[in-house]
Every structure is written in structure tokens, then in C-alpha cells.
């Protein structure tokens, strides 16, 4: 896949995220997409990703700013760096109590692409930083 096509795919994916267009995000993924959760396990498949999005929508409201995309020459690998501006809406299991706290958090993703679709998303953010922002007593 050419580098320019991968850039366009990722621009569409992140624009869909910011627009709350969950189907638009799903359309960018391969059917067997591997999603590596930050400090968590790997989830596989669009159905698992759709369930993840529903969970995130219930617990968090997020917008990504300062998105920088980096793509390999052959277009098969990429990375994204961005700043998450979020609000913690509902308590997520195992995390501090939610009370509408806001947070600003640098984050990133490592991405694999094949046949015009995202086949792997590996997410990273600093959970200790997020926790300190939503629960300063922690």
C-alpha cells in the first residue's frame, strides 16, 4: 500500500474518532484487527473492537489534538502521536471513581496496515499520569 494511501486511511480513522463516527472507525479496520490495549491484553476482531468502543463511550468522552502521523515508506507500518483531552464520565472497573474529571494526556499508537485496512493497533499512554489527574489523592 503506498505511503500516501496509508496516511489518508489514518487521517480518516482519527477524524472519525474525533467526530464520534464509530462506524467510520470500524470501516478502517480489517475483520481480524488485533487491538493491544494499554497495559492490557490483545483483543482480536471487529466485534471486540466495537465492544471496546461502546465501553469507552460509556466511561469517557475524548478528543484528540496535535495528531502527528508517521508512515513507513512502504505504507505497511505507522505510528500516531497525539494529546487526549478527555472527561471521565462513568467509573471504569478497577480504576478510580468517576465524577466528570477532566484530563489531558499524551498518547500514541503503533499501527500495521495491510490491503488498505488497519490490521493492528497497539495503544500507549501513561496510566499513572492519567490516574494522578483523575484522582490526585492516589
Protein backbone atom coordinates (compact mmCIF):
# COMPACT_ATOMS: atom_id res chain seq x y z
CA UNK A 1 0.00 0.00 0.00
CA UNK A 2 1.52 3.36 -0.92
CA UNK A 3 2.55 5.68 1.89
CA UNK A 4 0.04 8.36 0.77
CA UNK A 5 -2.85 5.88 0.92
CA UNK A 6 -1.87 4.85 4.45
CA UNK A 7 -1.73 8.49 5.52
CA UNK A 8 -5.20 9.04 4.07
CA UNK A 9 -6.53 5.94 5.88
CA UNK A 10 -5.14 7.11 9.22
CA UNK A 11 -6.35 10.67 8.73
CA UNK A 12 -9.84 9.25 8.10
CA UNK A 13 -9.61 6.97 11.15
CA UNK A 14 -8.62 9.76 13.54
CA UNK A 15 -11.11 12.23 12.02
CA UNK A 16 -13.82 9.61 12.59
CA UNK A 17 -12.68 9.25 16.21
CA UNK A 18 -12.95 12.98 16.82
CA UNK A 19 -16.36 13.10 15.11
CA UNK A 20 -17.70 10.22 17.22
CA UNK A 21 -18.20 8.30 13.96
CA UNK A 22 -17.68 4.81 15.36
CA UNK A 23 -18.75 3.10 12.13
CA UNK A 24 -16.25 5.23 10.22
CA UNK A 25 -13.52 3.94 12.55
CA UNK A 26 -14.67 0.34 12.16
CA UNK A 27 -14.64 0.71 8.36
CA UNK A 28 -10.88 1.40 8.56
CA UNK A 29 -10.19 -1.92 10.33
CA UNK A 30 -9.58 -5.40 8.97
CA UNK A 31 -12.07 -8.03 10.11
CA UNK A 32 -9.37 -9.70 12.23
CA UNK A 33 -7.81 -6.50 13.61
CA UNK A 34 -5.56 -7.01 16.64
CA UNK A 35 -6.06 -4.33 19.30
CA UNK A 36 -3.39 -4.23 22.00
CA UNK A 37 -4.86 -2.37 24.97
CA UNK A 38 -2.61 -0.11 27.00
CA UNK A 39 -1.26 -2.22 29.88
CA UNK A 40 -3.78 -4.90 28.96
CA UNK A 41 -4.43 -7.85 26.74
CA UNK A 42 -4.85 -8.19 22.99
CA UNK A 43 -8.39 -8.20 21.64
CA UNK A 44 -8.99 -9.60 18.16
CA UNK A 45 -11.67 -8.82 15.60
CA UNK A 46 -14.06 -6.03 14.73
CA UNK A 47 -16.71 -7.29 17.15
CA UNK A 48 -14.27 -6.97 20.07
CA UNK A 49 -13.24 -3.51 18.86
CA UNK A 50 -16.89 -2.45 18.59
CA UNK A 51 -17.48 -3.62 22.19
CA UNK A 52 -14.37 -1.68 23.27
CA UNK A 53 -15.72 1.48 21.62
CA UNK A 54 -19.09 1.05 23.40
CA UNK A 55 -17.29 0.66 26.73
CA UNK A 56 -15.15 3.73 26.09
CA UNK A 57 -18.17 5.79 25.04
CA UNK A 58 -19.89 4.90 28.32
CA UNK A 59 -16.91 5.77 30.52
CA UNK A 60 -15.07 8.54 28.66
CA UNK A 61 -15.59 11.48 26.34
CA UNK A 62 -12.36 12.13 24.43
CA UNK A 63 -10.99 14.33 21.67
CA UNK A 64 -7.55 14.02 20.11
CA UNK A 65 -5.46 17.09 19.30
CA UNK A 66 -1.98 17.66 17.91
CA UNK A 67 -2.14 14.43 15.90
CA UNK A 68 1.14 13.57 14.20
CA UNK A 69 1.22 10.61 11.81
CA UNK A 70 4.39 8.82 10.75
CA UNK A 71 4.26 6.19 7.99
CA UNK A 72 6.91 3.83 6.65
CA UNK A 73 7.95 4.19 3.03
CA UNK A 74 6.09 1.02 2.04
CA UNK A 75 2.93 2.11 3.90
CA UNK A 76 2.64 -1.06 5.99
CA UNK A 77 3.64 0.41 9.36
CA UNK A 78 2.75 3.66 11.05
CA UNK A 79 2.73 5.49 14.34
CA UNK A 80 0.49 8.20 15.67
CA UNK A 81 1.23 10.63 18.48
CA UNK A 82 -1.48 12.85 19.92
CA UNK A 83 -2.82 14.56 23.01
CA UNK A 84 -6.03 13.19 24.52
CA UNK A 85 -8.39 15.75 26.03
CA UNK A 86 -10.93 13.79 28.00
CA UNK A 87 -13.62 13.64 30.61
CA UNK A 88 -14.11 10.64 32.89
CA UNK A 89 -17.87 10.02 32.79
CA UNK A 90 -18.52 6.66 34.49
CA UNK A 91 -16.32 4.55 36.73
CA UNK A 92 -14.28 2.03 34.77
CA UNK A 93 -13.73 -1.27 36.59
CA UNK A 94 -10.51 -1.29 38.63
CA UNK A 95 -9.94 2.45 38.20
CA UNK A 96 -10.70 5.44 40.45
CA UNK A 97 -14.26 6.65 40.93
CA UNK A 98 -15.55 8.82 38.07
CA UNK A 99 -17.05 12.21 38.80
CA UNK A 100 -16.71 14.06 35.50
CA UNK A 101 -12.97 14.73 36.00
CA UNK A 102 -11.09 16.10 33.01
CA UNK A 103 -7.63 15.09 31.86
CA UNK A 104 -5.03 15.95 29.23
CA UNK A 105 -2.79 13.04 28.35
CA UNK A 106 -0.09 12.42 25.75
CA UNK A 107 -0.67 9.11 23.98
CA UNK A 108 0.28 7.16 20.91
CA UNK A 109 -0.32 4.14 18.76
CA UNK A 110 1.72 1.75 16.67
CA UNK A 111 -0.20 0.59 13.64
CA UNK A 112 0.08 -2.14 10.99
CA UNK A 113 -1.72 -1.87 7.66
CA UNK A 114 -2.44 -4.48 5.00
CA UNK A 115 -4.70 -4.36 1.93
CA UNK A 116 -5.92 -0.87 2.80
CA UNK A 117 -7.06 -1.72 6.33
CA UNK A 118 -5.63 -1.36 9.83
CA UNK A 119 -4.65 -4.84 11.00
CA UNK A 120 -3.08 -3.93 14.35
CA UNK A 121 -3.41 -1.05 16.81
CA UNK A 122 -1.06 -1.03 19.80
CA UNK A 123 -2.02 1.77 22.18
CA UNK A 124 0.13 3.55 24.76
CA UNK A 125 -0.47 6.20 27.40
CA UNK A 126 0.89 6.71 30.89
CA UNK A 127 -1.74 5.22 33.22
CA UNK A 128 -0.04 6.68 36.33
CA UNK A 129 -0.29 10.17 34.80
CA UNK A 130 -3.98 9.63 33.98
CA UNK A 131 -4.67 8.30 37.48
CA UNK A 132 -2.95 11.29 39.13
CA UNK A 133 -5.10 13.64 37.05
CA UNK A 134 -8.44 11.99 37.90
CA UNK A 135 -7.59 11.01 41.48
CA UNK A 136 -5.00 13.38 42.97
CA UNK A 137 -5.21 11.55 46.34
CA UNK A 138 -3.98 8.31 44.75
